[in-house]
Structure formats: C-alpha cells, structure tokens
N, C-alpha and C. Protein backbone atom coordinates (compact mmCIF):
# COMPACT_ATOMS: atom_id res chain seq x y z
N MET A 1 6.15 3.67 41.96
CA MET A 1 5.58 5.00 41.83
C MET A 1 5.36 5.32 40.36
N LYS A 2 4.18 5.80 40.04
CA LYS A 2 3.86 6.13 38.65
C LYS A 2 4.35 7.52 38.32
N LYS A 3 4.87 7.65 37.10
CA LYS A 3 5.34 8.94 36.65
C LYS A 3 4.30 9.54 35.72
N GLN A 4 3.97 10.80 35.90
CA GLN A 4 3.00 11.45 35.05
C GLN A 4 3.74 12.16 33.92
N HIS A 5 3.61 11.62 32.70
CA HIS A 5 4.33 12.15 31.55
C HIS A 5 3.65 13.37 30.96
N VAL A 6 2.33 13.44 31.08
CA VAL A 6 1.56 14.55 30.51
C VAL A 6 0.63 15.07 31.60
N LYS A 7 0.55 16.38 31.71
CA LYS A 7 -0.37 17.00 32.66
C LYS A 7 -1.39 17.79 31.84
N LEU A 8 -2.57 17.20 31.66
CA LEU A 8 -3.64 17.84 30.90
C LEU A 8 -4.35 18.87 31.77
N THR A 9 -4.78 19.95 31.15
CA THR A 9 -5.63 20.89 31.88
C THR A 9 -7.01 20.27 31.99
N SER A 10 -7.81 20.76 32.92
CA SER A 10 -9.14 20.17 33.11
C SER A 10 -10.01 20.39 31.87
N ALA A 11 -9.86 21.53 31.20
CA ALA A 11 -10.64 21.79 29.99
C ALA A 11 -10.23 20.83 28.87
N ASP A 12 -8.91 20.62 28.72
CA ASP A 12 -8.43 19.68 27.70
C ASP A 12 -8.88 18.26 28.00
N ARG A 13 -8.83 17.87 29.27
CA ARG A 13 -9.24 16.52 29.65
C ARG A 13 -10.71 16.28 29.31
N GLU A 14 -11.56 17.25 29.63
CA GLU A 14 -12.99 17.11 29.34
C GLU A 14 -13.25 17.07 27.83
N LYS A 15 -12.51 17.90 27.10
CA LYS A 15 -12.68 17.92 25.65
C LYS A 15 -12.25 16.58 25.04
N LEU A 16 -11.14 16.02 25.52
CA LEU A 16 -10.67 14.73 25.00
C LEU A 16 -11.66 13.62 25.35
N LYS A 17 -12.20 13.64 26.54
CA LYS A 17 -13.17 12.61 26.92
C LYS A 17 -14.43 12.69 26.08
N SER A 18 -14.88 13.90 25.79
CA SER A 18 -16.09 14.03 24.95
C SER A 18 -15.79 13.63 23.51
N GLN A 19 -14.60 13.94 23.01
CA GLN A 19 -14.24 13.54 21.64
C GLN A 19 -14.08 12.03 21.52
N ARG A 20 -13.59 11.39 22.58
CA ARG A 20 -13.39 9.95 22.55
C ARG A 20 -14.71 9.21 22.40
N LYS A 21 -15.78 9.80 22.91
CA LYS A 21 -17.10 9.16 22.84
C LYS A 21 -17.75 9.32 21.47
N LYS A 22 -17.25 10.23 20.66
CA LYS A 22 -17.81 10.43 19.32
C LYS A 22 -17.47 9.23 18.45
N GLY A 23 -18.33 8.93 17.50
CA GLY A 23 -18.10 7.79 16.63
C GLY A 23 -17.43 8.15 15.32
N GLN A 24 -17.27 9.44 15.03
CA GLN A 24 -16.74 9.86 13.74
C GLN A 24 -15.33 10.43 13.88
N LEU A 25 -14.41 9.65 14.38
CA LEU A 25 -13.02 10.07 14.51
C LEU A 25 -12.13 9.20 13.65
N LYS A 26 -11.05 9.79 13.18
CA LYS A 26 -10.05 8.98 12.49
C LYS A 26 -9.38 8.08 13.53
N VAL A 27 -8.92 6.94 13.09
CA VAL A 27 -8.30 5.98 14.02
C VAL A 27 -7.06 6.57 14.66
N SER A 28 -6.24 7.27 13.86
CA SER A 28 -5.02 7.85 14.42
C SER A 28 -5.36 8.89 15.49
N THR A 29 -6.40 9.68 15.27
CA THR A 29 -6.80 10.69 16.25
C THR A 29 -7.32 10.02 17.52
N TYR A 30 -8.11 8.96 17.35
CA TYR A 30 -8.63 8.24 18.52
C TYR A 30 -7.49 7.64 19.36
N LYS A 31 -6.50 7.06 18.68
CA LYS A 31 -5.36 6.48 19.41
C LYS A 31 -4.60 7.55 20.17
N ARG A 32 -4.44 8.72 19.56
CA ARG A 32 -3.73 9.80 20.24
C ARG A 32 -4.51 10.30 21.45
N ILE A 33 -5.83 10.38 21.31
CA ILE A 33 -6.67 10.81 22.44
C ILE A 33 -6.53 9.83 23.60
N VAL A 34 -6.64 8.54 23.30
CA VAL A 34 -6.52 7.52 24.35
C VAL A 34 -5.12 7.58 24.96
N GLY A 35 -4.10 7.76 24.13
CA GLY A 35 -2.73 7.85 24.64
C GLY A 35 -2.54 9.03 25.58
N LEU A 36 -3.06 10.19 25.19
CA LEU A 36 -2.93 11.36 26.07
C LEU A 36 -3.67 11.17 27.39
N LEU A 37 -4.86 10.61 27.33
CA LEU A 37 -5.62 10.40 28.57
C LEU A 37 -4.93 9.40 29.48
N GLU A 38 -4.38 8.35 28.92
CA GLU A 38 -3.70 7.35 29.74
C GLU A 38 -2.39 7.88 30.30
N LEU A 39 -1.66 8.69 29.51
CA LEU A 39 -0.44 9.30 30.03
C LEU A 39 -0.77 10.28 31.15
N ASP A 40 -1.89 10.98 31.03
CA ASP A 40 -2.32 11.90 32.07
C ASP A 40 -2.71 11.14 33.35
N ALA A 41 -3.23 9.92 33.16
CA ALA A 41 -3.62 9.11 34.32
C ALA A 41 -2.42 8.56 35.08
N GLY A 42 -1.23 8.66 34.47
CA GLY A 42 -0.02 8.24 35.18
C GLY A 42 0.57 6.93 34.71
N LEU A 43 0.05 6.37 33.62
CA LEU A 43 0.63 5.12 33.12
C LEU A 43 2.00 5.37 32.49
N THR A 44 2.83 4.35 32.52
CA THR A 44 4.13 4.44 31.86
C THR A 44 3.93 4.34 30.35
N TYR A 45 4.99 4.67 29.61
CA TYR A 45 4.89 4.59 28.14
C TYR A 45 4.59 3.17 27.68
N GLU A 46 5.21 2.18 28.33
CA GLU A 46 5.00 0.79 27.93
C GLU A 46 3.56 0.35 28.18
N ALA A 47 3.04 0.68 29.36
CA ALA A 47 1.67 0.29 29.69
C ALA A 47 0.67 1.04 28.80
N CYS A 48 0.97 2.28 28.53
CA CYS A 48 0.08 3.09 27.70
C CYS A 48 0.11 2.62 26.25
N SER A 49 1.26 2.10 25.80
CA SER A 49 1.35 1.63 24.41
C SER A 49 0.46 0.41 24.18
N LYS A 50 0.28 -0.40 25.22
CA LYS A 50 -0.60 -1.56 25.10
C LYS A 50 -2.07 -1.14 25.04
N VAL A 51 -2.42 -0.11 25.77
CA VAL A 51 -3.80 0.36 25.81
C VAL A 51 -4.16 1.14 24.55
N SER A 52 -3.26 2.04 24.12
CA SER A 52 -3.59 2.94 23.02
C SER A 52 -3.18 2.40 21.65
N ASP A 53 -2.42 1.32 21.62
CA ASP A 53 -1.95 0.73 20.37
C ASP A 53 -1.02 1.67 19.61
N LEU A 54 -0.25 2.46 20.35
CA LEU A 54 0.81 3.31 19.80
C LEU A 54 2.13 2.84 20.39
N SER A 55 3.21 3.05 19.66
CA SER A 55 4.52 2.65 20.18
C SER A 55 4.96 3.61 21.28
N SER A 56 5.92 3.18 22.06
CA SER A 56 6.42 4.02 23.14
C SER A 56 7.03 5.30 22.58
N ARG A 57 7.72 5.18 21.47
CA ARG A 57 8.34 6.35 20.84
C ARG A 57 7.27 7.33 20.34
N SER A 58 6.20 6.82 19.77
CA SER A 58 5.11 7.69 19.31
C SER A 58 4.48 8.42 20.49
N LEU A 59 4.35 7.73 21.61
CA LEU A 59 3.79 8.36 22.80
C LEU A 59 4.71 9.45 23.35
N GLN A 60 6.01 9.21 23.30
CA GLN A 60 6.96 10.23 23.74
C GLN A 60 6.86 11.47 22.85
N ASN A 61 6.78 11.23 21.54
CA ASN A 61 6.65 12.35 20.61
C ASN A 61 5.33 13.09 20.82
N LEU A 62 4.27 12.34 21.10
CA LEU A 62 2.97 12.93 21.36
C LEU A 62 3.00 13.80 22.61
N ALA A 63 3.68 13.33 23.65
CA ALA A 63 3.78 14.10 24.89
C ALA A 63 4.55 15.40 24.66
N LYS A 64 5.62 15.33 23.86
CA LYS A 64 6.39 16.54 23.55
C LYS A 64 5.56 17.52 22.72
N ARG A 65 4.83 16.99 21.74
CA ARG A 65 4.00 17.85 20.90
C ARG A 65 2.88 18.50 21.71
N TYR A 66 2.34 17.77 22.70
CA TYR A 66 1.28 18.35 23.52
C TYR A 66 1.81 19.52 24.33
N GLU A 67 3.02 19.39 24.85
CA GLU A 67 3.61 20.49 25.62
C GLU A 67 3.79 21.73 24.76
N ILE A 68 4.10 21.54 23.48
CA ILE A 68 4.36 22.67 22.59
C ILE A 68 3.06 23.22 21.99
N GLU A 69 2.22 22.31 21.44
CA GLU A 69 1.08 22.73 20.64
C GLU A 69 -0.26 22.64 21.36
N GLY A 70 -0.31 21.96 22.47
CA GLY A 70 -1.59 21.74 23.13
C GLY A 70 -2.36 20.65 22.39
N LEU A 71 -3.66 20.83 22.22
CA LEU A 71 -4.48 19.82 21.54
C LEU A 71 -4.24 19.79 20.03
N GLY A 72 -3.44 20.69 19.52
CA GLY A 72 -3.07 20.65 18.11
C GLY A 72 -2.23 19.43 17.77
N CYS A 73 -1.73 18.73 18.79
CA CYS A 73 -0.93 17.53 18.56
C CYS A 73 -1.78 16.38 18.02
N LEU A 74 -3.09 16.50 18.09
CA LEU A 74 -3.96 15.44 17.58
C LEU A 74 -4.07 15.45 16.06
N ILE A 75 -3.75 16.56 15.45
CA ILE A 75 -3.90 16.72 14.00
C ILE A 75 -2.64 16.25 13.30
N ASP A 76 -2.82 15.53 12.20
CA ASP A 76 -1.68 15.08 11.41
C ASP A 76 -0.99 16.25 10.74
N LEU A 77 0.32 16.23 10.72
CA LEU A 77 1.08 17.26 10.02
C LEU A 77 1.07 16.95 8.54
N PRO A 78 1.09 17.97 7.68
CA PRO A 78 1.08 17.71 6.24
C PRO A 78 2.38 17.04 5.80
N ARG A 79 2.26 16.17 4.82
CA ARG A 79 3.41 15.46 4.29
C ARG A 79 3.63 15.94 2.86
N PRO A 80 4.83 16.38 2.54
CA PRO A 80 5.04 17.02 1.25
C PRO A 80 5.02 16.08 0.06
N GLY A 81 5.42 14.86 0.23
CA GLY A 81 5.47 13.93 -0.90
C GLY A 81 6.69 14.16 -1.76
N ARG A 82 6.75 13.43 -2.83
CA ARG A 82 7.89 13.50 -3.72
C ARG A 82 7.71 14.67 -4.70
N PRO A 83 8.76 15.48 -4.91
CA PRO A 83 8.62 16.60 -5.82
C PRO A 83 8.52 16.14 -7.28
N ILE A 84 7.82 16.92 -8.10
CA ILE A 84 7.66 16.60 -9.52
C ILE A 84 8.94 16.98 -10.24
N LYS A 85 9.45 16.06 -11.05
CA LYS A 85 10.71 16.29 -11.75
C LYS A 85 10.52 16.66 -13.21
N ILE A 86 9.32 16.50 -13.73
CA ILE A 86 9.08 16.78 -15.14
C ILE A 86 8.37 18.12 -15.25
N THR A 87 8.94 19.01 -16.07
CA THR A 87 8.34 20.33 -16.26
C THR A 87 7.18 20.25 -17.23
N PRO A 88 6.32 21.26 -17.24
CA PRO A 88 5.21 21.26 -18.21
C PRO A 88 5.68 21.24 -19.67
N GLU A 89 6.83 21.87 -19.95
CA GLU A 89 7.37 21.84 -21.31
C GLU A 89 7.74 20.42 -21.72
N GLN A 90 8.35 19.68 -20.77
CA GLN A 90 8.71 18.29 -21.05
C GLN A 90 7.45 17.44 -21.25
N ARG A 91 6.40 17.72 -20.51
CA ARG A 91 5.14 17.00 -20.68
C ARG A 91 4.58 17.23 -22.08
N ASP A 92 4.67 18.48 -22.54
CA ASP A 92 4.19 18.79 -23.89
C ASP A 92 5.00 18.05 -24.95
N GLN A 93 6.33 18.00 -24.75
CA GLN A 93 7.19 17.29 -25.69
C GLN A 93 6.86 15.80 -25.73
N ILE A 94 6.59 15.22 -24.57
CA ILE A 94 6.24 13.80 -24.50
C ILE A 94 4.93 13.55 -25.24
N THR A 95 3.96 14.44 -25.05
CA THR A 95 2.67 14.27 -25.72
C THR A 95 2.82 14.40 -27.23
N LEU A 96 3.61 15.36 -27.68
CA LEU A 96 3.84 15.53 -29.11
C LEU A 96 4.54 14.31 -29.71
N LEU A 97 5.50 13.77 -28.97
CA LEU A 97 6.21 12.58 -29.44
C LEU A 97 5.26 11.39 -29.54
N ALA A 98 4.33 11.29 -28.62
CA ALA A 98 3.37 10.18 -28.65
C ALA A 98 2.40 10.32 -29.81
N CYS A 99 2.16 11.56 -30.26
CA CYS A 99 1.23 11.79 -31.36
C CYS A 99 1.84 11.49 -32.73
N GLU A 100 3.14 11.41 -32.80
CA GLU A 100 3.80 11.13 -34.07
C GLU A 100 3.51 9.70 -34.50
N GLU A 101 3.84 9.43 -35.76
CA GLU A 101 3.62 8.07 -36.27
C GLU A 101 4.57 7.10 -35.59
N SER A 102 4.14 5.85 -35.52
CA SER A 102 4.95 4.83 -34.86
C SER A 102 6.17 4.51 -35.73
N PRO A 103 7.27 4.10 -35.11
CA PRO A 103 8.48 3.79 -35.86
C PRO A 103 8.29 2.57 -36.77
N ASP A 104 9.19 2.44 -37.74
CA ASP A 104 9.13 1.31 -38.67
C ASP A 104 9.23 0.00 -37.90
N GLY A 105 8.42 -0.95 -38.29
CA GLY A 105 8.42 -2.27 -37.67
C GLY A 105 7.47 -2.39 -36.49
N TYR A 106 6.79 -1.31 -36.14
CA TYR A 106 5.86 -1.31 -35.02
C TYR A 106 4.50 -0.83 -35.50
N SER A 107 3.45 -1.53 -35.09
CA SER A 107 2.10 -1.08 -35.47
C SER A 107 1.69 0.13 -34.65
N GLN A 108 2.11 0.16 -33.40
CA GLN A 108 1.89 1.33 -32.55
C GLN A 108 3.04 1.46 -31.57
N CYS A 109 3.21 2.63 -31.04
CA CYS A 109 4.34 2.91 -30.15
C CYS A 109 3.97 2.50 -28.73
N SER A 110 4.81 1.70 -28.09
CA SER A 110 4.55 1.29 -26.71
C SER A 110 5.11 2.34 -25.75
N LEU A 111 4.71 2.25 -24.50
CA LEU A 111 5.19 3.19 -23.50
C LEU A 111 6.69 3.01 -23.25
N ARG A 112 7.16 1.79 -23.30
CA ARG A 112 8.60 1.54 -23.13
C ARG A 112 9.40 2.14 -24.28
N LEU A 113 8.87 2.00 -25.47
CA LEU A 113 9.53 2.56 -26.65
C LEU A 113 9.56 4.09 -26.56
N LEU A 114 8.46 4.67 -26.13
CA LEU A 114 8.40 6.12 -25.95
C LEU A 114 9.39 6.59 -24.89
N ALA A 115 9.50 5.87 -23.79
CA ALA A 115 10.42 6.24 -22.72
C ALA A 115 11.86 6.22 -23.22
N GLY A 116 12.20 5.21 -23.99
CA GLY A 116 13.55 5.14 -24.56
C GLY A 116 13.81 6.28 -25.53
N LYS A 117 12.83 6.61 -26.34
CA LYS A 117 12.98 7.68 -27.32
C LYS A 117 13.11 9.04 -26.63
N ILE A 118 12.38 9.24 -25.55
CA ILE A 118 12.44 10.50 -24.80
C ILE A 118 13.83 10.73 -24.23
N VAL A 119 14.42 9.68 -23.68
CA VAL A 119 15.77 9.79 -23.12
C VAL A 119 16.78 9.97 -24.26
N GLU A 120 16.57 9.27 -25.36
CA GLU A 120 17.47 9.35 -26.52
C GLU A 120 17.48 10.76 -27.11
N LEU A 121 16.31 11.40 -27.18
CA LEU A 121 16.22 12.75 -27.72
C LEU A 121 16.66 13.82 -26.72
N GLY A 122 16.85 13.43 -25.47
CA GLY A 122 17.35 14.36 -24.46
C GLY A 122 16.28 15.25 -23.84
N TYR A 123 15.02 14.83 -23.91
CA TYR A 123 13.96 15.62 -23.27
C TYR A 123 14.13 15.59 -21.75
N CYS A 124 14.59 14.49 -21.21
CA CYS A 124 14.90 14.38 -19.79
C CYS A 124 15.94 13.28 -19.62
N GLU A 125 16.61 13.28 -18.45
CA GLU A 125 17.70 12.33 -18.22
C GLU A 125 17.21 10.90 -18.10
N SER A 126 16.14 10.70 -17.36
CA SER A 126 15.59 9.36 -17.21
C SER A 126 14.09 9.47 -16.97
N ILE A 127 13.36 8.48 -17.46
CA ILE A 127 11.92 8.42 -17.27
C ILE A 127 11.48 6.97 -17.42
N SER A 128 10.55 6.55 -16.60
CA SER A 128 10.06 5.18 -16.69
C SER A 128 8.84 5.12 -17.61
N HIS A 129 8.52 3.93 -18.07
CA HIS A 129 7.36 3.78 -18.94
C HIS A 129 6.06 4.09 -18.21
N THR A 130 6.02 3.82 -16.91
CA THR A 130 4.81 4.14 -16.16
C THR A 130 4.63 5.65 -16.01
N GLN A 131 5.74 6.36 -15.87
CA GLN A 131 5.65 7.81 -15.78
C GLN A 131 5.20 8.41 -17.12
N VAL A 132 5.63 7.82 -18.21
CA VAL A 132 5.17 8.26 -19.53
C VAL A 132 3.65 8.05 -19.63
N GLY A 133 3.20 6.90 -19.16
CA GLY A 133 1.77 6.62 -19.16
C GLY A 133 0.99 7.61 -18.32
N ASN A 134 1.55 7.99 -17.17
CA ASN A 134 0.87 8.96 -16.31
C ASN A 134 0.82 10.34 -16.95
N VAL A 135 1.90 10.72 -17.65
CA VAL A 135 1.91 12.01 -18.35
C VAL A 135 0.83 12.02 -19.42
N LEU A 136 0.75 10.95 -20.19
CA LEU A 136 -0.25 10.89 -21.26
C LEU A 136 -1.66 10.82 -20.70
N LYS A 137 -1.82 10.16 -19.56
CA LYS A 137 -3.13 10.07 -18.92
C LYS A 137 -3.58 11.44 -18.43
N LYS A 138 -2.64 12.21 -17.85
CA LYS A 138 -2.98 13.52 -17.35
C LYS A 138 -3.28 14.50 -18.47
N LYS A 139 -2.67 14.29 -19.61
CA LYS A 139 -2.94 15.13 -20.76
C LYS A 139 -4.23 14.69 -21.47
N ARG A 140 -4.89 13.69 -20.92
CA ARG A 140 -6.13 13.14 -21.47
C ARG A 140 -5.94 12.67 -22.90
N SER A 141 -4.81 12.03 -23.07
CA SER A 141 -4.50 11.50 -24.40
C SER A 141 -5.11 10.12 -24.54
N ASN A 142 -5.63 9.83 -25.70
CA ASN A 142 -6.19 8.50 -25.94
C ASN A 142 -5.19 7.62 -26.66
N LEU A 143 -3.91 7.97 -26.55
CA LEU A 143 -2.87 7.22 -27.25
C LEU A 143 -2.42 5.99 -26.49
N ILE A 144 -2.75 5.89 -25.21
CA ILE A 144 -2.28 4.74 -24.44
C ILE A 144 -3.34 3.69 -24.31
C-alpha cells in the first residue's frame, strides 16, 4: 500500500505542473517541484528520491515545509554567511599601515609582513594575509 506523504491542492498541483514545463527554472526548484508531485502521487521517499534526485531527508523536510508554507517551500531560504570581524576603523588602520614606507631590508611590504605587523601593533587579534589583501582590494588600493 502506498502512503501519501503530501496532499497537494488541485490549484497547487496545476501550478506545479505548469512550472515544471517551463525551461527557465533553477535546478533546485525543478527538483523540489518534481519531488512534491511524486510525493503527491503516492511514491515513498526512497522511490521519489530516485526520480527527483533529492535525498530522502530533503524530501521529508520539503513535505514538512509544504504543510507549513505551501508553495513557498520551493524558494531557497536566505543564508547569512560568516559575519565580518574587522571594523571600518581597523580597515582604515590597515590601509594607512600599507601606505607607510616598507621596513628596512625590504623593497616593498608583502601581505604576510603586513599581517604580522597588524597583529604586532594590536589592531586586531589575528588576521590572514589573504584578508589583508581583500581589505586593500576593497579600499581600491594599488599597493598590492
């Protein structure tokens, strides 16, 4: 006996079928549409995962989100990303330090040397040379 994990309304079913035929969909949205339609048809999570190319767990989460949000479950949720740890004042200090003359024995200051100097002066606790490069790039500095 097949278990119906999702019960789509007739309006939602027709909307999903018409969207599936469109050629301008994101792949993740298309997979979710196929998954919802197959779950509505009565397929198990395992059988539906083979058809829609989504994992069983993703399909379970999709079914729960459909019950709560309706067709809003097709849209990706925003991802916050990693928070910025360097303040604008610290960015200014890094830029000013890069504008100074290079230390004795060096023709020009490298990003690694700048990163070490920034930590030594106490502008921030830790910083990588690539992050120094990104700060200087964002400040449109031609020092790197």
